[in-house]
Amino acid sequence: MNEIVDKNFRNNVVEAVEELLLEMCNSAAYDRKDRRGGFFVMKLTPSNRPQYISNNPALLTVPIGELPIGTLKYANIATEKADRLIADFVKRGKEAVSSWQTRVENEKYAGAILCNMIVCDHYGPFAISFSGLPELADEALMLALAVRMQWMTSEAATRIAKISNNQYFRDCFARYWSE
């Protein structure tokens, strides 16, 4: 476990991801019953200095749910999504909100979002990412987590979901959807 993260904070985040994952996987709208887990990653932005992006350790890297075959691959993909989003944020600023914006089909996936709250004595943007589900389900899970943890409003989460036309967020987490 990472020493930077308070044990209670870690436990609260992991518990929330586990509960939201279970809720999504049990939803009638979730169509990939064979995919019920993966890796969660949380990373801070490196003080907006591009030279620190590649040397920016994760605050959390946690396996969640029923892990898919090729488990390490999903930890690496979740980290790559967060790193790519942070690099995009450093380059474009507030316009960068989701790894969907820099995805490359069958190569670089959606599933990371940028939040902006105080976390672990860091005020400013941080990325949360998930990999192991279909990419839009990864993103929906992170959007629901951000709203539940009050790292983002439901209006902001809905705006991000609309960028990717994320039906998983709308259908599996309707209580967080805001028109």
C-alpha atoms as a PDB file:
ATOM      1  CA  MET A   1       0.000   0.000   0.000  1.00  0.00           C
ATOM      2  CA  ASN A   2       1.208   3.482  -0.854  1.00  0.00           C
ATOM      3  CA  GLU A   3       2.402   5.420   2.213  1.00  0.00           C
ATOM      4  CA  ILE A   4       1.084   8.735   0.776  1.00  0.00           C
ATOM      5  CA  VAL A   5      -2.543   7.648   1.069  1.00  0.00           C
ATOM      6  CA  ASP A   6      -4.275   7.582   4.436  1.00  0.00           C
ATOM      7  CA  LYS A   7      -5.655   4.111   5.234  1.00  0.00           C
ATOM      8  CA  ASN A   8      -9.199   5.416   5.846  1.00  0.00           C
ATOM      9  CA  PHE A   9      -9.161   7.349   2.577  1.00  0.00           C
ATOM     10  CA  ARG A  10      -7.961   4.266   0.691  1.00  0.00           C
ATOM     11  CA  ASN A  11     -10.580   2.052   2.324  1.00  0.00           C
ATOM     12  CA  ASN A  12     -13.399   4.517   1.577  1.00  0.00           C
ATOM     13  CA  VAL A  13     -12.395   4.810  -2.075  1.00  0.00           C
ATOM     14  CA  VAL A  14     -11.956   1.068  -2.580  1.00  0.00           C
ATOM     15  CA  GLU A  15     -15.280   0.326  -0.867  1.00  0.00           C
ATOM     16  CA  ALA A  16     -17.052   2.865  -3.093  1.00  0.00           C
ATOM     17  CA  VAL A  17     -15.513   1.411  -6.279  1.00  0.00           C
ATOM     18  CA  GLU A  18     -16.472  -2.124  -5.202  1.00  0.00           C
ATOM     19  CA  GLU A  19     -20.074  -1.126  -4.465  1.00  0.00           C
ATOM     20  CA  LEU A  20     -20.476   0.825  -7.706  1.00  0.00           C
ATOM     21  CA  LEU A  21     -18.911  -2.003  -9.729  1.00  0.00           C
ATOM     22  CA  LEU A  22     -21.346  -4.496  -8.219  1.00  0.00           C
ATOM     23  CA  GLU A  23     -24.251  -2.141  -8.882  1.00  0.00           C
ATOM     24  CA  MET A  24     -23.228  -1.720 -12.516  1.00  0.00           C
ATOM     25  CA  CYS A  25     -22.567  -5.415 -13.124  1.00  0.00           C
ATOM     26  CA  ASN A  26     -25.983  -6.294 -11.678  1.00  0.00           C
ATOM     27  CA  SER A  27     -27.763  -3.685 -13.778  1.00  0.00           C
ATOM     28  CA  ALA A  28     -29.917  -4.943 -16.656  1.00  0.00           C
ATOM     29  CA  ALA A  29     -28.222  -2.295 -18.811  1.00  0.00           C
ATOM     30  CA  TYR A  30     -24.767  -3.872 -18.325  1.00  0.00           C
ATOM     31  CA  ASP A  31     -24.360  -6.295 -21.207  1.00  0.00           C
ATOM     32  CA  ARG A  32     -20.925  -7.797 -20.486  1.00  0.00           C
ATOM     33  CA  LYS A  33     -21.599 -10.189 -17.627  1.00  0.00           C
ATOM     34  CA  ASP A  34     -18.249 -11.886 -18.388  1.00  0.00           C
ATOM     35  CA  ARG A  35     -16.355  -8.712 -17.328  1.00  0.00           C
ATOM     36  CA  ARG A  36     -16.788  -7.980 -13.600  1.00  0.00           C
ATOM     37  CA  GLY A  37     -13.527  -6.464 -12.381  1.00  0.00           C
ATOM     38  CA  GLY A  38     -10.244  -4.807 -13.145  1.00  0.00           C
ATOM     39  CA  PHE A  39      -7.792  -2.269 -11.756  1.00  0.00           C
ATOM     40  CA  PHE A  40      -8.449   1.155 -10.245  1.00  0.00           C
ATOM     41  CA  VAL A  41      -5.703   3.797 -10.417  1.00  0.00           C
ATOM     42  CA  MET A  42      -5.547   7.278  -8.893  1.00  0.00           C
ATOM     43  CA  LYS A  43      -2.802   9.747  -9.828  1.00  0.00           C
ATOM     44  CA  LEU A  44      -2.184  13.382  -8.992  1.00  0.00           C
ATOM     45  CA  THR A  45      -1.188  15.886 -11.642  1.00  0.00           C
ATOM     46  CA  PRO A  46       2.543  16.627 -11.339  1.00  0.00           C
ATOM     47  CA  SER A  47       2.308  20.362 -10.611  1.00  0.00           C
ATOM     48  CA  ASN A  48       1.566  21.012 -14.288  1.00  0.00           C
ATOM     49  CA  ARG A  49       5.175  20.291 -15.240  1.00  0.00           C
ATOM     50  CA  PRO A  50       5.372  17.941 -18.243  1.00  0.00           C
ATOM     51  CA  GLN A  51       8.816  16.613 -17.308  1.00  0.00           C
ATOM     52  CA  TYR A  52       7.304  14.881 -14.252  1.00  0.00           C
ATOM     53  CA  ILE A  53       4.499  13.044 -16.032  1.00  0.00           C
ATOM     54  CA  SER A  54       6.481   9.869 -16.728  1.00  0.00           C
ATOM     55  CA  ASN A  55       7.838   9.825 -13.158  1.00  0.00           C
ATOM     56  CA  ASN A  56       4.530  10.344 -11.377  1.00  0.00           C
ATOM     57  CA  PRO A  57       3.714   7.355  -9.142  1.00  0.00           C
ATOM     58  CA  ALA A  58       0.117   6.356  -8.560  1.00  0.00           C
ATOM     59  CA  LEU A  59      -1.475   7.166  -5.218  1.00  0.00           C
ATOM     60  CA  LEU A  60      -3.529   3.996  -5.550  1.00  0.00           C
ATOM     61  CA  THR A  61      -3.368   0.964  -7.814  1.00  0.00           C
ATOM     62  CA  VAL A  62      -5.930  -1.538  -6.572  1.00  0.00           C
ATOM     63  CA  PRO A  63      -7.460  -4.718  -8.013  1.00  0.00           C
ATOM     64  CA  ILE A  64     -11.266  -4.605  -7.757  1.00  0.00           C
ATOM     65  CA  GLY A  65     -13.867  -7.333  -8.325  1.00  0.00           C
ATOM     66  CA  GLU A  66     -13.368 -10.495 -10.356  1.00  0.00           C
ATOM     67  CA  LEU A  67     -10.105  -9.947 -12.159  1.00  0.00           C
ATOM     68  CA  PRO A  68     -10.022 -10.726 -15.866  1.00  0.00           C
ATOM     69  CA  ILE A  69      -7.462 -13.001 -17.475  1.00  0.00           C
ATOM     70  CA  GLY A  70      -4.251 -11.088 -18.114  1.00  0.00           C
ATOM     71  CA  THR A  71      -4.595  -9.119 -14.894  1.00  0.00           C
ATOM     72  CA  LEU A  72      -1.293  -7.213 -15.111  1.00  0.00           C
ATOM     73  CA  LYS A  73      -2.266  -5.947 -18.551  1.00  0.00           C
ATOM     74  CA  TYR A  74      -5.276  -4.164 -17.033  1.00  0.00           C
ATOM     75  CA  ALA A  75      -3.178  -2.501 -14.316  1.00  0.00           C
ATOM     76  CA  ASN A  76      -0.873  -1.184 -17.039  1.00  0.00           C
ATOM     77  CA  ILE A  77      -3.782   0.005 -19.202  1.00  0.00           C
ATOM     78  CA  ALA A  78      -5.427   1.819 -16.258  1.00  0.00           C
ATOM     79  CA  THR A  79      -2.103   3.558 -15.541  1.00  0.00           C
ATOM     80  CA  GLU A  80      -1.610   4.466 -19.204  1.00  0.00           C
ATOM     81  CA  LYS A  81      -5.098   6.001 -19.378  1.00  0.00           C
ATOM     82  CA  ALA A  82      -4.400   8.179 -16.320  1.00  0.00           C
ATOM     83  CA  ASP A  83      -0.946   9.215 -17.595  1.00  0.00           C
ATOM     84  CA  ARG A  84      -2.328  10.077 -21.036  1.00  0.00           C
ATOM     85  CA  LEU A  85      -5.110  12.166 -19.532  1.00  0.00           C
ATOM     86  CA  ILE A  86      -2.686  14.020 -17.242  1.00  0.00           C
ATOM     87  CA  ALA A  87      -0.383  14.724 -20.217  1.00  0.00           C
ATOM     88  CA  ASP A  88      -3.373  16.012 -22.180  1.00  0.00           C
ATOM     89  CA  PHE A  89      -4.341  18.228 -19.231  1.00  0.00           C
ATOM     90  CA  VAL A  90      -0.820  19.671 -19.000  1.00  0.00           C
ATOM     91  CA  LYS A  91      -0.952  20.385 -22.744  1.00  0.00           C
ATOM     92  CA  ARG A  92      -4.544  21.669 -23.143  1.00  0.00           C
ATOM     93  CA  GLY A  93      -5.641  22.686 -19.660  1.00  0.00           C
ATOM     94  CA  LYS A  94      -9.289  22.516 -18.597  1.00  0.00           C
ATOM     95  CA  GLU A  95     -10.442  21.189 -21.972  1.00  0.00           C
ATOM     96  CA  ALA A  96      -8.894  17.809 -21.087  1.00  0.00           C
ATOM     97  CA  VAL A  97     -11.406  15.943 -18.921  1.00  0.00           C
ATOM     98  CA  SER A  98     -11.477  12.349 -20.189  1.00  0.00           C
ATOM     99  CA  SER A  99      -9.146   9.817 -21.780  1.00  0.00           C
ATOM    100  CA  TRP A 100     -11.893   9.382 -24.399  1.00  0.00           C
ATOM    101  CA  GLN A 101     -10.617  12.632 -25.924  1.00  0.00           C
ATOM    102  CA  THR A 102      -7.251  11.039 -26.774  1.00  0.00           C
ATOM    103  CA  ARG A 103      -8.298   7.447 -27.399  1.00  0.00           C
ATOM    104  CA  VAL A 104      -7.056   5.495 -30.414  1.00  0.00           C
ATOM    105  CA  GLU A 105      -9.348   2.618 -31.348  1.00  0.00           C
ATOM    106  CA  ASN A 106      -7.992  -0.806 -30.278  1.00  0.00           C
ATOM    107  CA  GLU A 107      -4.838   0.833 -28.916  1.00  0.00           C
ATOM    108  CA  LYS A 108      -5.531   3.585 -26.351  1.00  0.00           C
ATOM    109  CA  TYR A 109      -8.796   3.400 -24.459  1.00  0.00           C
ATOM    110  CA  ALA A 110     -11.296   5.509 -22.539  1.00  0.00           C
ATOM    111  CA  GLY A 111     -11.763   4.950 -18.829  1.00  0.00           C
ATOM    112  CA  ALA A 112      -9.934   7.788 -17.048  1.00  0.00           C
ATOM    113  CA  ILE A 113     -11.411  11.103 -15.973  1.00  0.00           C
ATOM    114  CA  LEU A 114     -10.001  14.225 -14.372  1.00  0.00           C
ATOM    115  CA  CYS A 115     -11.375  15.448 -11.048  1.00  0.00           C
ATOM    116  CA  ASN A 116     -10.532  18.677  -9.267  1.00  0.00           C
ATOM    117  CA  MET A 117     -10.756  18.601  -5.472  1.00  0.00           C
ATOM    118  CA  ILE A 118      -8.541  18.311  -2.425  1.00  0.00           C
ATOM    119  CA  VAL A 119      -7.103  14.802  -2.216  1.00  0.00           C
ATOM    120  CA  CYS A 120      -4.289  13.787   0.125  1.00  0.00           C
ATOM    121  CA  ASP A 121      -3.347  17.433   0.813  1.00  0.00           C
ATOM    122  CA  HIS A 122      -3.149  18.112  -2.929  1.00  0.00           C
ATOM    123  CA  TYR A 123      -5.504  20.714  -4.310  1.00  0.00           C
ATOM    124  CA  GLY A 124      -5.992  20.529  -8.018  1.00  0.00           C
ATOM    125  CA  PRO A 125      -6.666  18.074 -10.764  1.00  0.00           C
ATOM    126  CA  PHE A 126      -6.155  14.369 -10.316  1.00  0.00           C
ATOM    127  CA  ALA A 127      -6.959  11.413 -12.552  1.00  0.00           C
ATOM    128  CA  ILE A 128      -8.945   8.324 -11.664  1.00  0.00           C
ATOM    129  CA  SER A 129      -8.916   5.388 -14.024  1.00  0.00           C
ATOM    130  CA  PHE A 130     -10.288   1.867 -14.349  1.00  0.00           C
ATOM    131  CA  SER A 131      -9.495  -0.938 -16.763  1.00  0.00           C
ATOM    132  CA  GLY A 132     -10.985  -4.426 -17.048  1.00  0.00           C
ATOM    133  CA  LEU A 133     -14.507  -3.688 -18.286  1.00  0.00           C
ATOM    134  CA  PRO A 134     -15.542  -2.428 -21.719  1.00  0.00           C
ATOM    135  CA  GLU A 135     -13.955   1.035 -22.028  1.00  0.00           C
ATOM    136  CA  LEU A 136     -17.184   3.013 -21.685  1.00  0.00           C
ATOM    137  CA  ALA A 137     -18.137   0.962 -18.630  1.00  0.00           C
ATOM    138  CA  ASP A 138     -14.697   1.805 -17.190  1.00  0.00           C
ATOM    139  CA  GLU A 139     -15.480   5.485 -17.759  1.00  0.00           C
ATOM    140  CA  ALA A 140     -19.029   5.197 -16.355  1.00  0.00           C
ATOM    141  CA  LEU A 141     -17.685   3.581 -13.190  1.00  0.00           C
ATOM    142  CA  MET A 142     -15.195   6.427 -12.706  1.00  0.00           C
ATOM    143  CA  LEU A 143     -17.861   9.076 -13.325  1.00  0.00           C
ATOM    144  CA  ALA A 144     -20.152   7.478 -10.741  1.00  0.00           C
ATOM    145  CA  LEU A 145     -17.264   7.258  -8.273  1.00  0.00           C
ATOM    146  CA  ALA A 146     -16.384  10.932  -8.774  1.00  0.00           C
ATOM    147  CA  VAL A 147     -19.961  12.011  -8.077  1.00  0.00           C
ATOM    148  CA  ARG A 148     -20.357   9.665  -5.102  1.00  0.00           C
ATOM    149  CA  MET A 149     -17.100  10.858  -3.511  1.00  0.00           C
ATOM    150  CA  GLN A 150     -18.044  14.492  -4.257  1.00  0.00           C
ATOM    151  CA  TRP A 151     -15.007  15.016  -6.452  1.00  0.00           C
ATOM    152  CA  MET A 152     -17.320  16.167  -9.241  1.00  0.00           C
ATOM    153  CA  THR A 153     -20.913  17.317  -9.621  1.00  0.00           C
ATOM    154  CA  SER A 154     -23.441  15.168 -11.462  1.00  0.00           C
ATOM    155  CA  GLU A 155     -23.699  17.977 -14.037  1.00  0.00           C
ATOM    156  CA  ALA A 156     -19.948  17.798 -14.725  1.00  0.00           C
ATOM    157  CA  ALA A 157     -20.068  13.993 -14.901  1.00  0.00           C
ATOM    158  CA  THR A 158     -22.954  14.145 -17.358  1.00  0.00           C
ATOM    159  CA  ARG A 159     -21.043  16.630 -19.551  1.00  0.00           C
ATOM    160  CA  ILE A 160     -18.095  14.211 -19.668  1.00  0.00           C
ATOM    161  CA  ALA A 161     -20.403  11.249 -20.399  1.00  0.00           C
ATOM    162  CA  LYS A 162     -21.928  13.153 -23.314  1.00  0.00           C
ATOM    163  CA  ILE A 163     -18.479  13.589 -24.910  1.00  0.00           C
ATOM    164  CA  SER A 164     -18.239   9.812 -25.352  1.00  0.00           C
ATOM    165  CA  ASN A 165     -22.001   9.224 -25.662  1.00  0.00           C
ATOM    166  CA  ASN A 166     -21.652   6.978 -22.621  1.00  0.00           C
ATOM    167  CA  GLN A 167     -24.841   4.967 -22.330  1.00  0.00           C
ATOM    168  CA  TYR A 168     -23.468   2.872 -19.467  1.00  0.00           C
ATOM    169  CA  PHE A 169     -23.327   5.973 -17.275  1.00  0.00           C
ATOM    170  CA  ARG A 170     -26.826   7.046 -18.244  1.00  0.00           C
ATOM    171  CA  ASP A 171     -28.397   3.587 -17.916  1.00  0.00           C
ATOM    172  CA  CYS A 172     -26.466   1.980 -15.030  1.00  0.00           C
ATOM    173  CA  PHE A 173     -26.129   5.087 -12.879  1.00  0.00           C
ATOM    174  CA  ALA A 174     -29.275   7.029 -13.753  1.00  0.00           C
ATOM    175  CA  ARG A 175     -29.352   8.702 -10.325  1.00  0.00           C
ATOM    176  CA  TYR A 176     -26.107  10.521 -11.225  1.00  0.00           C
ATOM    177  CA  TRP A 177     -27.271  11.592 -14.706  1.00  0.00           C
ATOM    178  CA  SER A 178     -28.204  15.262 -14.956  1.00  0.00           C
ATOM    179  CA  GLU A 179     -30.023  16.727 -17.949  1.00  0.00           C
END
